[in-house]
C-alpha atoms as a PDB file:
ATOM      1  CA  MET A   1       0.190  -0.052   0.327  1.00  0.00           C
ATOM      2  CA  THR A   2       1.424   3.477  -0.930  1.00  0.00           C
ATOM      3  CA  PRO A   3       1.452   6.617   1.258  1.00  0.00           C
ATOM      4  CA  LEU A   4      -1.294   8.044  -1.114  1.00  0.00           C
ATOM      5  CA  VAL A   5      -3.572   4.966  -0.793  1.00  0.00           C
ATOM      6  CA  THR A   6      -3.145   4.926   2.832  1.00  0.00           C
ATOM      7  CA  THR A   7      -3.963   8.312   3.342  1.00  0.00           C
ATOM      8  CA  ALA A   8      -7.337   7.722   1.411  1.00  0.00           C
ATOM      9  CA  VAL A   9      -8.130   4.571   3.287  1.00  0.00           C
ATOM     10  CA  LEU A  10      -7.669   6.549   6.492  1.00  0.00           C
ATOM     11  CA  LEU A  11      -9.852   9.227   5.483  1.00  0.00           C
ATOM     12  CA  ALA A  12     -12.354   7.005   4.001  1.00  0.00           C
ATOM     13  CA  ALA A  13     -12.460   5.411   7.832  1.00  0.00           C
ATOM     14  CA  VAL A  14     -12.727   8.767   9.393  1.00  0.00           C
ATOM     15  CA  THR A  15     -15.568   9.608   7.250  1.00  0.00           C
ATOM     16  CA  HIS A  16     -17.371   6.578   7.266  1.00  0.00           C
ATOM     17  CA  ALA A  17     -17.224   6.510  11.251  1.00  0.00           C
ATOM     18  CA  SER A  18     -18.443  10.633  10.955  1.00  0.00           C
ATOM     19  CA  TRP A  19     -21.994   9.027   8.838  1.00  0.00           C
ATOM     20  CA  ASN A  20     -22.885   6.279  11.139  1.00  0.00           C
ATOM     21  CA  ALA A  21     -22.389   8.585  14.232  1.00  0.00           C
ATOM     22  CA  ILE A  22     -24.739  10.974  12.629  1.00  0.00           C
ATOM     23  CA  ALA A  23     -26.982   7.727  11.026  1.00  0.00           C
ATOM     24  CA  HIS A  24     -27.430   6.383  15.028  1.00  0.00           C
ATOM     25  CA  ARG A  25     -27.836  10.441  16.126  1.00  0.00           C
ATOM     26  CA  ILE A  26     -31.308  10.620  14.213  1.00  0.00           C
ATOM     27  CA  THR A  27     -33.513   8.852  16.806  1.00  0.00           C
ATOM     28  CA  ASP A  28     -35.763   7.425  14.076  1.00  0.00           C
ATOM     29  CA  ARG A  29     -33.545   4.838  11.691  1.00  0.00           C
ATOM     30  CA  LEU A  30     -35.658   4.341   8.861  1.00  0.00           C
ATOM     31  CA  VAL A  31     -35.733   8.083   8.691  1.00  0.00           C
ATOM     32  CA  GLY A  32     -32.108   8.559   9.266  1.00  0.00           C
ATOM     33  CA  PHE A  33     -31.418   6.049   6.491  1.00  0.00           C
ATOM     34  CA  THR A  34     -33.552   7.016   3.976  1.00  0.00           C
ATOM     35  CA  LEU A  35     -32.244  10.443   4.010  1.00  0.00           C
ATOM     36  CA  ILE A  36     -28.790   9.357   3.692  1.00  0.00           C
ATOM     37  CA  LEU A  37     -29.423   6.473   0.790  1.00  0.00           C
ATOM     38  CA  THR A  38     -31.837   8.962  -0.623  1.00  0.00           C
ATOM     39  CA  GLY A  39     -29.009  11.729  -0.753  1.00  0.00           C
ATOM     40  CA  GLY A  40     -26.922   9.194  -2.342  1.00  0.00           C
ATOM     41  CA  VAL A  41     -28.872   8.461  -5.000  1.00  0.00           C
ATOM     42  CA  LEU A  42     -28.965  12.455  -5.577  1.00  0.00           C
ATOM     43  CA  ILE A  43     -25.277  12.016  -5.991  1.00  0.00           C
ATOM     44  CA  GLY A  44     -25.042   9.269  -8.172  1.00  0.00           C
ATOM     45  CA  LEU A  45     -27.156  10.652 -10.474  1.00  0.00           C
ATOM     46  CA  ALA A  46     -25.088  13.925 -10.289  1.00  0.00           C
ATOM     47  CA  ALA A  47     -22.000  11.823 -10.871  1.00  0.00           C
ATOM     48  CA  ALA A  48     -23.003   9.292 -13.460  1.00  0.00           C
ATOM     49  CA  PRO A  49     -23.036  11.307 -16.591  1.00  0.00           C
ATOM     50  CA  PHE A  50     -19.238  12.558 -16.076  1.00  0.00           C
ATOM     51  CA  ALA A  51     -17.633   9.096 -15.553  1.00  0.00           C
ATOM     52  CA  PRO A  52     -17.063   6.293 -18.157  1.00  0.00           C
ATOM     53  CA  LEU A  53     -19.944   4.175 -17.883  1.00  0.00           C
ATOM     54  CA  PRO A  54     -18.715   1.017 -15.639  1.00  0.00           C
ATOM     55  CA  ALA A  55     -17.521  -2.252 -18.508  1.00  0.00           C
ATOM     56  CA  ALA A  56     -19.894  -4.888 -18.644  1.00  0.00           C
ATOM     57  CA  GLY A  57     -18.504  -7.202 -16.399  1.00  0.00           C
ATOM     58  CA  ALA A  58     -18.879  -5.474 -13.521  1.00  0.00           C
ATOM     59  CA  TRP A  59     -22.647  -5.040 -13.176  1.00  0.00           C
ATOM     60  CA  PRO A  60     -23.751  -8.669 -11.748  1.00  0.00           C
ATOM     61  CA  TYR A  61     -20.847  -7.083  -9.192  1.00  0.00           C
ATOM     62  CA  LEU A  62     -23.534  -4.364  -8.809  1.00  0.00           C
ATOM     63  CA  LEU A  63     -26.338  -6.063  -8.818  1.00  0.00           C
ATOM     64  CA  ALA A  64     -25.083  -8.443  -5.846  1.00  0.00           C
ATOM     65  CA  SER A  65     -23.418  -5.513  -4.129  1.00  0.00           C
ATOM     66  CA  ALA A  66     -27.209  -3.333  -4.322  1.00  0.00           C
ATOM     67  CA  VAL A  67     -28.785  -6.460  -2.768  1.00  0.00           C
ATOM     68  CA  ILE A  68     -26.243  -7.529  -0.016  1.00  0.00           C
ATOM     69  CA  HIS A  69     -26.168  -3.532   0.787  1.00  0.00           C
ATOM     70  CA  LEU A  70     -29.792  -3.449   1.566  1.00  0.00           C
ATOM     71  CA  VAL A  71     -29.358  -6.701   4.274  1.00  0.00           C
ATOM     72  CA  TYR A  72     -26.299  -4.428   5.612  1.00  0.00           C
ATOM     73  CA  VAL A  73     -28.959  -1.637   6.274  1.00  0.00           C
ATOM     74  CA  ILE A  74     -31.439  -3.537   7.422  1.00  0.00           C
ATOM     75  CA  LEU A  75     -29.061  -5.671   9.837  1.00  0.00           C
ATOM     76  CA  LEU A  76     -27.141  -2.301  11.206  1.00  0.00           C
ATOM     77  CA  MET A  77     -30.726  -0.701  11.743  1.00  0.00           C
ATOM     78  CA  THR A  78     -31.405  -3.390  13.758  1.00  0.00           C
ATOM     79  CA  SER A  79     -27.617  -3.816  15.507  1.00  0.00           C
ATOM     80  CA  PHE A  80     -28.367   0.051  16.584  1.00  0.00           C
ATOM     81  CA  ARG A  81     -31.698  -0.536  18.020  1.00  0.00           C
ATOM     82  CA  LEU A  82     -30.592  -3.550  19.640  1.00  0.00           C
ATOM     83  CA  GLY A  83     -27.796  -2.626  21.230  1.00  0.00           C
ATOM     84  CA  ASP A  84     -26.051   0.956  22.001  1.00  0.00           C
ATOM     85  CA  PHE A  85     -23.380   2.259  19.736  1.00  0.00           C
ATOM     86  CA  GLY A  86     -20.174   2.069  21.256  1.00  0.00           C
ATOM     87  CA  GLN A  87     -20.777  -1.956  21.287  1.00  0.00           C
ATOM     88  CA  ALA A  88     -22.539  -2.819  18.260  1.00  0.00           C
ATOM     89  CA  TYR A  89     -20.647  -0.348  15.755  1.00  0.00           C
ATOM     90  CA  PRO A  90     -16.932  -1.746  16.369  1.00  0.00           C
ATOM     91  CA  ILE A  91     -18.352  -5.534  17.056  1.00  0.00           C
ATOM     92  CA  ALA A  92     -19.626  -4.980  13.199  1.00  0.00           C
ATOM     93  CA  ARG A  93     -16.625  -3.341  11.840  1.00  0.00           C
ATOM     94  CA  GLY A  94     -14.355  -5.515  14.029  1.00  0.00           C
ATOM     95  CA  SER A  95     -15.515  -9.163  12.674  1.00  0.00           C
ATOM     96  CA  ALA A  96     -15.162  -7.836   9.052  1.00  0.00           C
ATOM     97  CA  PRO A  97     -11.386  -7.381   7.949  1.00  0.00           C
ATOM     98  CA  LEU A  98     -11.399 -11.090   9.517  1.00  0.00           C
ATOM     99  CA  VAL A  99     -14.086 -12.499   6.970  1.00  0.00           C
ATOM    100  CA  VAL A 100     -12.381 -10.227   4.257  1.00  0.00           C
ATOM    101  CA  THR A 101      -8.920 -11.926   4.216  1.00  0.00           C
ATOM    102  CA  ALA A 102     -10.493 -15.607   4.428  1.00  0.00           C
ATOM    103  CA  LEU A 103     -13.074 -14.392   1.247  1.00  0.00           C
ATOM    104  CA  ALA A 104      -9.921 -12.323  -0.594  1.00  0.00           C
ATOM    105  CA  ALA A 105      -8.175 -15.494  -0.438  1.00  0.00           C
ATOM    106  CA  VAL A 106     -10.497 -17.540  -2.188  1.00  0.00           C
ATOM    107  CA  PHE A 107     -11.899 -15.366  -4.675  1.00  0.00           C
ATOM    108  CA  ALA A 108      -9.423 -12.381  -5.151  1.00  0.00           C
ATOM    109  CA  HIS A 109      -6.661 -15.195  -4.519  1.00  0.00           C
ATOM    110  CA  GLU A 110      -5.416 -12.492  -2.316  1.00  0.00           C
ATOM    111  CA  VAL A 111      -2.847 -14.117   0.999  1.00  0.00           C
ATOM    112  CA  PRO A 112      -1.434 -11.320   3.076  1.00  0.00           C
ATOM    113  CA  ASP A 113       2.424 -11.643   4.052  1.00  0.00           C
ATOM    114  CA  GLY A 114       2.926 -11.922   7.645  1.00  0.00           C
ATOM    115  CA  TRP A 115       2.928  -8.305   8.229  1.00  0.00           C
ATOM    116  CA  ALA A 116      -0.094  -7.832   6.759  1.00  0.00           C
ATOM    117  CA  ALA A 117      -1.693 -11.037   8.586  1.00  0.00           C
ATOM    118  CA  ALA A 118      -0.279  -8.861  11.853  1.00  0.00           C
ATOM    119  CA  GLY A 119      -1.949  -5.295  11.062  1.00  0.00           C
ATOM    120  CA  ILE A 120      -5.304  -7.214  10.129  1.00  0.00           C
ATOM    121  CA  ALA A 121      -5.338  -9.289  13.745  1.00  0.00           C
ATOM    122  CA  VAL A 122      -4.031  -6.108  15.672  1.00  0.00           C
ATOM    123  CA  SER A 123      -6.878  -3.896  13.623  1.00  0.00           C
ATOM    124  CA  CYS A 124      -9.479  -6.762  14.907  1.00  0.00           C
ATOM    125  CA  ALA A 125      -8.581  -7.598  18.241  1.00  0.00           C
ATOM    126  CA  GLY A 126      -8.108  -3.576  18.942  1.00  0.00           C
ATOM    127  CA  LEU A 127     -11.948  -3.326  17.718  1.00  0.00           C
ATOM    128  CA  THR A 128     -13.106  -6.162  19.829  1.00  0.00           C
ATOM    129  CA  GLY A 129     -11.034  -4.507  23.020  1.00  0.00           C
ATOM    130  CA  VAL A 130     -13.464  -1.403  22.629  1.00  0.00           C
ATOM    131  CA  ALA A 131     -16.780  -3.735  22.415  1.00  0.00           C
ATOM    132  CA  LEU A 132     -15.523  -5.491  25.658  1.00  0.00           C
ATOM    133  CA  TRP A 133     -14.528  -2.903  27.336  1.00  0.00           C
ATOM    134  CA  GLY A 134     -18.052  -1.419  26.571  1.00  0.00           C
ATOM    135  CA  LEU A 135     -19.677  -4.374  28.125  1.00  0.00           C
ATOM    136  CA  ARG A 136     -17.789  -3.925  31.114  1.00  0.00           C
ATOM    137  CA  GLY A 137     -19.964  -4.269  34.177  1.00  0.00           C
ATOM    138  CA  ARG A 138     -22.824  -5.086  31.934  1.00  0.00           C
ATOM    139  CA  ARG A 139     -24.207  -8.599  31.322  1.00  0.00           C
ATOM    140  CA  PRO A 140     -23.520  -9.097  27.221  1.00  0.00           C
ATOM    141  CA  ASP A 141     -26.952  -8.453  25.617  1.00  0.00           C
ATOM    142  CA  TRP A 142     -26.353 -11.649  22.916  1.00  0.00           C
ATOM    143  CA  PRO A 143     -29.502 -10.492  20.215  1.00  0.00           C
ATOM    144  CA  ALA A 144     -27.491  -6.807  19.630  1.00  0.00           C
ATOM    145  CA  ILE A 145     -23.943  -8.780  19.524  1.00  0.00           C
ATOM    146  CA  GLY A 146     -25.540 -11.375  17.009  1.00  0.00           C
ATOM    147  CA  ALA A 147     -26.953  -8.377  15.208  1.00  0.00           C
ATOM    148  CA  ALA A 148     -23.634  -6.735  14.582  1.00  0.00           C
ATOM    149  CA  LEU A 149     -21.702 -10.012  13.646  1.00  0.00           C
ATOM    150  CA  ALA A 150     -24.164 -10.460  11.271  1.00  0.00           C
ATOM    151  CA  THR A 151     -24.090  -7.146   9.944  1.00  0.00           C
ATOM    152  CA  GLY A 152     -20.545  -7.493  10.486  1.00  0.00           C
ATOM    153  CA  PHE A 153     -20.381 -10.669   7.850  1.00  0.00           C
ATOM    154  CA  SER A 154     -22.896  -8.491   5.411  1.00  0.00           C
ATOM    155  CA  ILE A 155     -19.969  -5.462   5.360  1.00  0.00           C
ATOM    156  CA  ALA A 156     -17.420  -7.748   4.767  1.00  0.00           C
ATOM    157  CA  ALA A 157     -19.364  -9.847   1.673  1.00  0.00           C
ATOM    158  CA  TYR A 158     -19.961  -6.329   0.155  1.00  0.00           C
ATOM    159  CA  THR A 159     -16.625  -5.621   0.819  1.00  0.00           C
ATOM    160  CA  VAL A 160     -14.918  -8.429  -1.633  1.00  0.00           C
ATOM    161  CA  VAL A 161     -18.028  -7.956  -4.349  1.00  0.00           C
ATOM    162  CA  ASP A 162     -17.055  -4.721  -5.116  1.00  0.00           C
ATOM    163  CA  GLY A 163     -13.487  -4.750  -4.552  1.00  0.00           C
ATOM    164  CA  LEU A 164     -13.831  -7.538  -7.559  1.00  0.00           C
ATOM    165  CA  GLY A 165     -16.326  -5.403  -9.165  1.00  0.00           C
ATOM    166  CA  VAL A 166     -14.572  -1.719  -8.941  1.00  0.00           C
ATOM    167  CA  ARG A 167     -11.631  -3.237 -10.357  1.00  0.00           C
ATOM    168  CA  ALA A 168     -13.494  -5.121 -13.580  1.00  0.00           C
ATOM    169  CA  ALA A 169     -15.115  -1.682 -14.047  1.00  0.00           C
ATOM    170  CA  HIS A 170     -12.215   0.218 -14.781  1.00  0.00           C
ATOM    171  CA  SER A 171     -14.048   3.099 -13.475  1.00  0.00           C
ATOM    172  CA  PRO A 172     -13.861   3.833  -9.633  1.00  0.00           C
ATOM    173  CA  VAL A 173     -16.021   7.070 -10.270  1.00  0.00           C
ATOM    174  CA  GLY A 174     -18.818   5.051 -12.931  1.00  0.00           C
ATOM    175  CA  TYR A 175     -18.971   2.308 -10.273  1.00  0.00           C
ATOM    176  CA  THR A 176     -19.282   4.276  -7.490  1.00  0.00           C
ATOM    177  CA  ALA A 177     -22.129   6.724  -8.391  1.00  0.00           C
ATOM    178  CA  TRP A 178     -24.086   3.285 -10.107  1.00  0.00           C
ATOM    179  CA  LEU A 179     -23.634   1.589  -7.156  1.00  0.00           C
ATOM    180  CA  MET A 180     -25.593   4.595  -5.228  1.00  0.00           C
ATOM    181  CA  VAL A 181     -27.955   4.514  -7.374  1.00  0.00           C
ATOM    182  CA  ILE A 182     -28.973   0.886  -7.321  1.00  0.00           C
ATOM    183  CA  GLN A 183     -28.628   0.207  -3.631  1.00  0.00           C
ATOM    184  CA  GLY A 184     -30.201   2.996  -3.121  1.00  0.00           C
ATOM    185  CA  VAL A 185     -33.461   3.033  -4.052  1.00  0.00           C
ATOM    186  CA  ALA A 186     -35.541  -0.333  -1.863  1.00  0.00           C
ATOM    187  CA  ILE A 187     -35.561   1.309   1.360  1.00  0.00           C
ATOM    188  CA  PRO A 188     -36.654   4.959   0.598  1.00  0.00           C
ATOM    189  CA  ALA A 189     -39.567   3.371  -1.502  1.00  0.00           C
ATOM    190  CA  TYR A 190     -40.633   1.359   1.159  1.00  0.00           C
ATOM    191  CA  ALA A 191     -39.967   4.877   3.157  1.00  0.00           C
ATOM    192  CA  VAL A 192     -42.773   6.185   1.458  1.00  0.00           C
ATOM    193  CA  HIS A 193     -44.649   3.436   0.862  1.00  0.00           C
ATOM    194  CA  ARG A 194     -44.982   3.203   4.803  1.00  0.00           C
ATOM    195  CA  TRP A 195     -45.335   7.118   5.400  1.00  0.00           C
ATOM    196  CA  ARG A 196     -47.577   8.307   2.070  1.00  0.00           C
ATOM    197  CA  GLY A 197     -48.575  11.490   2.217  1.00  0.00           C
ATOM    198  CA  GLU A 198     -46.251  11.997   5.509  1.00  0.00           C
ATOM    199  CA  THR A 199     -43.337  11.687   3.831  1.00  0.00           C
ATOM    200  CA  ALA A 200     -42.470  15.617   4.049  1.00  0.00           C
ATOM    201  CA  THR A 201     -43.337  16.288   7.553  1.00  0.00           C
ATOM    202  CA  VAL A 202     -41.689  13.217   8.928  1.00  0.00           C
ATOM    203  CA  LEU A 203     -37.827  14.013   7.300  1.00  0.00           C
ATOM    204  CA  ARG A 204     -37.680  17.541   6.862  1.00  0.00           C
ATOM    205  CA  PRO A 205     -36.635  18.305  11.034  1.00  0.00           C
ATOM    206  CA  PHE A 206     -33.533  15.813   9.886  1.00  0.00           C
ATOM    207  CA  ALA A 207     -32.794  16.781   6.487  1.00  0.00           C
ATOM    208  CA  ALA A 208     -29.913  18.644   6.526  1.00  0.00           C
ATOM    209  CA  LEU A 209     -28.330  16.197   8.603  1.00  0.00           C
ATOM    210  CA  GLY A 210     -29.236  13.076   6.931  1.00  0.00           C
ATOM    211  CA  LEU A 211     -28.426  14.624   3.400  1.00  0.00           C
ATOM    212  CA  PHE A 212     -24.463  15.640   5.163  1.00  0.00           C
ATOM    213  CA  GLY A 213     -24.411  11.943   6.258  1.00  0.00           C
ATOM    214  CA  ALA A 214     -25.055  11.219   2.598  1.00  0.00           C
ATOM    215  CA  PHE A 215     -22.076  13.268   1.353  1.00  0.00           C
ATOM    216  CA  LEU A 216     -19.336  11.804   3.941  1.00  0.00           C
ATOM    217  CA  SER A 217     -21.588   8.170   2.995  1.00  0.00           C
ATOM    218  CA  VAL A 218     -20.652   8.215  -0.865  1.00  0.00           C
ATOM    219  CA  SER A 219     -17.097  10.455  -0.132  1.00  0.00           C
ATOM    220  CA  ALA A 220     -16.137   6.962   2.312  1.00  0.00           C
ATOM    221  CA  TYR A 221     -16.940   4.355   0.241  1.00  0.00           C
ATOM    222  CA  GLY A 222     -15.697   6.130  -3.087  1.00  0.00           C
ATOM    223  CA  LEU A 223     -12.467   6.243  -1.606  1.00  0.00           C
ATOM    224  CA  VAL A 224     -12.150   2.822  -0.668  1.00  0.00           C
ATOM    225  CA  LEU A 225     -13.563   1.823  -4.025  1.00  0.00           C
ATOM    226  CA  TRP A 226     -10.621   3.849  -5.844  1.00  0.00           C
ATOM    227  CA  ALA A 227      -8.131   2.206  -3.057  1.00  0.00           C
ATOM    228  CA  GLN A 228      -9.010  -1.374  -3.450  1.00  0.00           C
ATOM    229  CA  THR A 229      -8.141  -0.818  -7.463  1.00  0.00           C
ATOM    230  CA  ARG A 230      -4.239  -0.439  -6.131  1.00  0.00           C
ATOM    231  CA  ALA A 231      -4.033  -2.723  -3.506  1.00  0.00           C
ATOM    232  CA  ALA A 232      -5.196  -5.809  -1.562  1.00  0.00           C
ATOM    233  CA  LEU A 233      -8.826  -6.109  -0.343  1.00  0.00           C
ATOM    234  CA  ALA A 234      -8.261  -7.497   2.957  1.00  0.00           C
ATOM    235  CA  PRO A 235      -5.674  -4.912   4.263  1.00  0.00           C
ATOM    236  CA  ILE A 236      -7.662  -2.292   3.354  1.00  0.00           C
ATOM    237  CA  ALA A 237     -10.595  -3.578   5.555  1.00  0.00           C
ATOM    238  CA  ALA A 238      -8.450  -3.454   8.212  1.00  0.00           C
ATOM    239  CA  LEU A 239      -7.056  -0.113   7.436  1.00  0.00           C
ATOM    240  CA  ARG A 240     -10.651   1.469   6.825  1.00  0.00           C
ATOM    241  CA  GLU A 241     -11.358   0.109  10.621  1.00  0.00           C
ATOM    242  CA  SER A 242      -8.480   2.227  12.241  1.00  0.00           C
ATOM    243  CA  SER A 243     -10.615   5.235  13.155  1.00  0.00           C
ATOM    244  CA  VAL A 244     -13.525   3.451  14.784  1.00  0.00           C
ATOM    245  CA  LYS A 245     -11.648   2.748  17.909  1.00  0.00           C
ATOM    246  CA  SER A 246     -11.662   6.540  18.824  1.00  0.00           C
ATOM    247  CA  CYS A 247     -14.747   7.232  17.150  1.00  0.00           C
ATOM    248  CA  SER A 248     -16.655   4.593  18.926  1.00  0.00           C
ATOM    249  CA  CYS A 249     -15.414   5.628  22.399  1.00  0.00           C
ATOM    250  CA  GLY A 250     -15.624   9.385  21.921  1.00  0.00           C
ATOM    251  CA  ASN A 251     -19.377   9.125  20.443  1.00  0.00           C
ATOM    252  CA  ASN A 252     -20.695   6.605  22.910  1.00  0.00           C
ATOM    253  CA  ALA A 253     -21.349   8.751  25.956  1.00  0.00           C
ATOM    254  CA  ALA A 254     -22.966  11.133  23.341  1.00  0.00           C
ATOM    255  CA  VAL A 255     -25.387   9.236  22.000  1.00  0.00           C
ATOM    256  CA  GLN A 256     -26.338   7.350  25.373  1.00  0.00           C
ATOM    257  CA  GLY A 257     -26.788  10.893  26.220  1.00  0.00           C
ATOM    258  CA  ALA A 258     -28.974  11.689  23.553  1.00  0.00           C
ATOM    259  CA  GLY A 259     -31.180   9.017  24.031  1.00  0.00           C
END
């Protein structure tokens, strides 16, 4: 990994943790993700005309990733509902790099060397430590932990699918734009159906915060997708989670204080 790739992934880590914190601060999870995903669709539609269309070989990955991302959002919403941010988030993010390492070895034929494997292990151990620290003095909430682990598996799945897809696309910006469009339709459509004529009223109080979260989300994942065209998947996945430890600890009290 070059210094440029490392910097891009670290920046993506910070922005990704930030949009997850924003999503958690919007008390109605469906409202938060509806705004973030709708914003992602709008950004994708705005960017798509200015980027090369992904190559034909990338579209199966795009469609598969959209389905996996939908599962991820549902699981993330569930884990936030069942457990507090400081516990659920590091478990979800910390379990993913280990699974990415295994999947990348099978599907991308990328086996990390000793130093890379050690770095992945240290990253996952650190995030696990954050989660365990949050459990001190309390009984484990097994449903929340199970949802967070399932979220981690979904993260690993879309990480590998998108890593292979963006390489096949020969256009990181085009792949990112169309992924935002394809993956961002289902949950907002469900929300509109559920709220019907009250959609604007429900979304308006959180619109600015949610759309800012969308900008952070697209920026973060676009940086990761670009990095995946220039380095192995597993080290990127581990490095991406490096800022979650401080972000989760720093946000835990604030989130609990906000209810």
